[in-house]
C-alpha atoms as a PDB file:
ATOM      1  CA  MET A   1      14.845   4.098  -1.712  1.00  0.00           C
ATOM      2  CA  ALA A   2      16.149   0.545  -1.432  1.00  0.00           C
ATOM      3  CA  VAL A   3      12.770  -0.458   0.027  1.00  0.00           C
ATOM      4  CA  ALA A   4      10.916   0.641  -3.122  1.00  0.00           C
ATOM      5  CA  SER A   5      12.991  -1.701  -5.277  1.00  0.00           C
ATOM      6  CA  GLN A   6      11.775  -4.668  -3.168  1.00  0.00           C
ATOM      7  CA  ILE A   7       8.078  -3.897  -3.692  1.00  0.00           C
ATOM      8  CA  LYS A   8       6.471  -6.098  -6.347  1.00  0.00           C
ATOM      9  CA  GLU A   9       3.018  -6.359  -7.915  1.00  0.00           C
ATOM     10  CA  HIS A  10       0.385  -8.342  -6.009  1.00  0.00           C
ATOM     11  CA  MET A  11       2.212  -8.243  -2.651  1.00  0.00           C
ATOM     12  CA  ASP A  12      -0.117  -7.891   0.323  1.00  0.00           C
ATOM     13  CA  VAL A  13       0.228  -4.606   2.204  1.00  0.00           C
ATOM     14  CA  ILE A  14       0.010  -5.143   5.966  1.00  0.00           C
ATOM     15  CA  SER A  15      -0.521  -2.433   8.598  1.00  0.00           C
ATOM     16  CA  SER A  16       1.415  -2.272  11.875  1.00  0.00           C
ATOM     17  CA  ASP A  17      -1.582  -3.859  13.631  1.00  0.00           C
ATOM     18  CA  LYS A  18      -1.442  -6.841  11.241  1.00  0.00           C
ATOM     19  CA  LYS A  19      -4.410  -5.912   9.024  1.00  0.00           C
ATOM     20  CA  THR A  20      -4.218  -6.398   5.271  1.00  0.00           C
ATOM     21  CA  VAL A  21      -4.992  -2.979   3.795  1.00  0.00           C
ATOM     22  CA  GLY A  22      -4.603  -3.923   0.139  1.00  0.00           C
ATOM     23  CA  LYS A  23      -2.507  -5.455  -2.627  1.00  0.00           C
ATOM     24  CA  VAL A  24       0.178  -3.681  -4.613  1.00  0.00           C
ATOM     25  CA  ASP A  25      -0.855  -2.761  -8.154  1.00  0.00           C
ATOM     26  CA  HIS A  26       2.455  -1.022  -8.869  1.00  0.00           C
ATOM     27  CA  LEU A  27       4.689   1.835  -7.793  1.00  0.00           C
ATOM     28  CA  GLU A  28       3.476   5.226  -8.948  1.00  0.00           C
ATOM     29  CA  GLY A  29       6.665   7.194  -9.427  1.00  0.00           C
ATOM     30  CA  ALA A  30       9.317   6.681  -6.784  1.00  0.00           C
ATOM     31  CA  ASP A  31       7.269   7.677  -3.762  1.00  0.00           C
ATOM     32  CA  LYS A  32       3.776   6.118  -3.932  1.00  0.00           C
ATOM     33  CA  ILE A  33       2.376   2.610  -3.880  1.00  0.00           C
ATOM     34  CA  LYS A  34      -0.787   2.183  -5.922  1.00  0.00           C
ATOM     35  CA  LEU A  35      -3.120  -0.470  -4.525  1.00  0.00           C
ATOM     36  CA  THR A  36      -5.407  -2.579  -6.703  1.00  0.00           C
ATOM     37  CA  LYS A  37      -9.071  -1.615  -7.063  1.00  0.00           C
ATOM     38  CA  GLN A  38     -10.063  -5.170  -6.179  1.00  0.00           C
ATOM     39  CA  SER A  39      -8.381  -4.890  -2.781  1.00  0.00           C
ATOM     40  CA  SER A  40     -10.113  -1.582  -2.029  1.00  0.00           C
ATOM     41  CA  PRO A  41     -12.989  -1.600   0.472  1.00  0.00           C
ATOM     42  CA  ASP A  42     -15.282  -0.061  -2.164  1.00  0.00           C
ATOM     43  CA  GLY A  43     -13.828  -2.033  -5.089  1.00  0.00           C
ATOM     44  CA  GLN A  44     -14.050   1.069  -7.284  1.00  0.00           C
ATOM     45  CA  HIS A  45     -10.992   3.194  -6.518  1.00  0.00           C
ATOM     46  CA  HIS A  46      -7.268   2.748  -6.486  1.00  0.00           C
ATOM     47  CA  HIS A  47      -5.729   3.966  -3.246  1.00  0.00           C
ATOM     48  CA  PHE A  48      -2.237   5.374  -2.904  1.00  0.00           C
ATOM     49  CA  ILE A  49       0.061   5.189   0.079  1.00  0.00           C
ATOM     50  CA  PRO A  50       3.473   6.838   0.469  1.00  0.00           C
ATOM     51  CA  VAL A  51       6.547   4.630   0.303  1.00  0.00           C
ATOM     52  CA  ASP A  52       7.604   6.515   3.477  1.00  0.00           C
ATOM     53  CA  TRP A  53       5.000   4.458   5.380  1.00  0.00           C
ATOM     54  CA  VAL A  54       6.851   1.207   4.615  1.00  0.00           C
ATOM     55  CA  ASP A  55       8.611  -0.274   7.621  1.00  0.00           C
ATOM     56  CA  HIS A  56      10.069  -3.298   5.818  1.00  0.00           C
ATOM     57  CA  VAL A  57       9.470  -5.697   2.945  1.00  0.00           C
ATOM     58  CA  ASP A  58       9.647  -9.490   3.020  1.00  0.00           C
ATOM     59  CA  GLN A  59       7.014 -11.531   1.182  1.00  0.00           C
ATOM     60  CA  HIS A  60       4.635  -8.681   2.145  1.00  0.00           C
ATOM     61  CA  VAL A  61       4.893  -4.908   2.409  1.00  0.00           C
ATOM     62  CA  HIS A  62       4.758  -4.026   6.107  1.00  0.00           C
ATOM     63  CA  LEU A  63       3.735  -0.502   7.100  1.00  0.00           C
ATOM     64  CA  ASN A  64       4.594   1.594  10.147  1.00  0.00           C
ATOM     65  CA  LYS A  65       0.965   2.816  10.410  1.00  0.00           C
ATOM     66  CA  SER A  66      -2.121   1.144  11.860  1.00  0.00           C
ATOM     67  CA  GLY A  67      -4.942   0.052   9.584  1.00  0.00           C
ATOM     68  CA  ALA A  68      -7.095   2.964  10.780  1.00  0.00           C
ATOM     69  CA  ASP A  69      -4.284   5.461  10.086  1.00  0.00           C
ATOM     70  CA  VAL A  70      -3.746   4.042   6.611  1.00  0.00           C
ATOM     71  CA  THR A  71      -7.383   4.142   5.545  1.00  0.00           C
ATOM     72  CA  SER A  72      -7.982   7.598   7.000  1.00  0.00           C
ATOM     73  CA  HIS A  73      -4.929   9.148   5.311  1.00  0.00           C
ATOM     74  CA  TRP A  74      -4.502   7.357   1.988  1.00  0.00           C
ATOM     75  CA  GLN A  75      -5.209   9.132  -1.270  1.00  0.00           C
ATOM     76  CA  HIS A  76      -7.587   7.729  -3.831  1.00  0.00           C
ATOM     77  CA  GLY A  77      -8.145   8.092  -7.520  1.00  0.00           C
ATOM     78  CA  ARG A  78      -9.969   6.432 -10.375  1.00  0.00           C
ATOM     79  CA  GLN A  79      -6.934   5.646 -12.555  1.00  0.00           C
END
């Protein structure tokens, strides 16, 4: 999980089709990225995406899924 160690708070999360899908709140365990509520489309829920979806990390977290795939398959919670 070398990729997980590169993920930092407030990084933009970018889908494979170049859409910003959120901002990193923090890592939830070793396998999930928790996105900020403020970056959520509804502004009321945190969304979670698997670290397995990360393609690479530079100044942003780049995913190997399209924006539509991400938003249709992410998990959400109120934490």
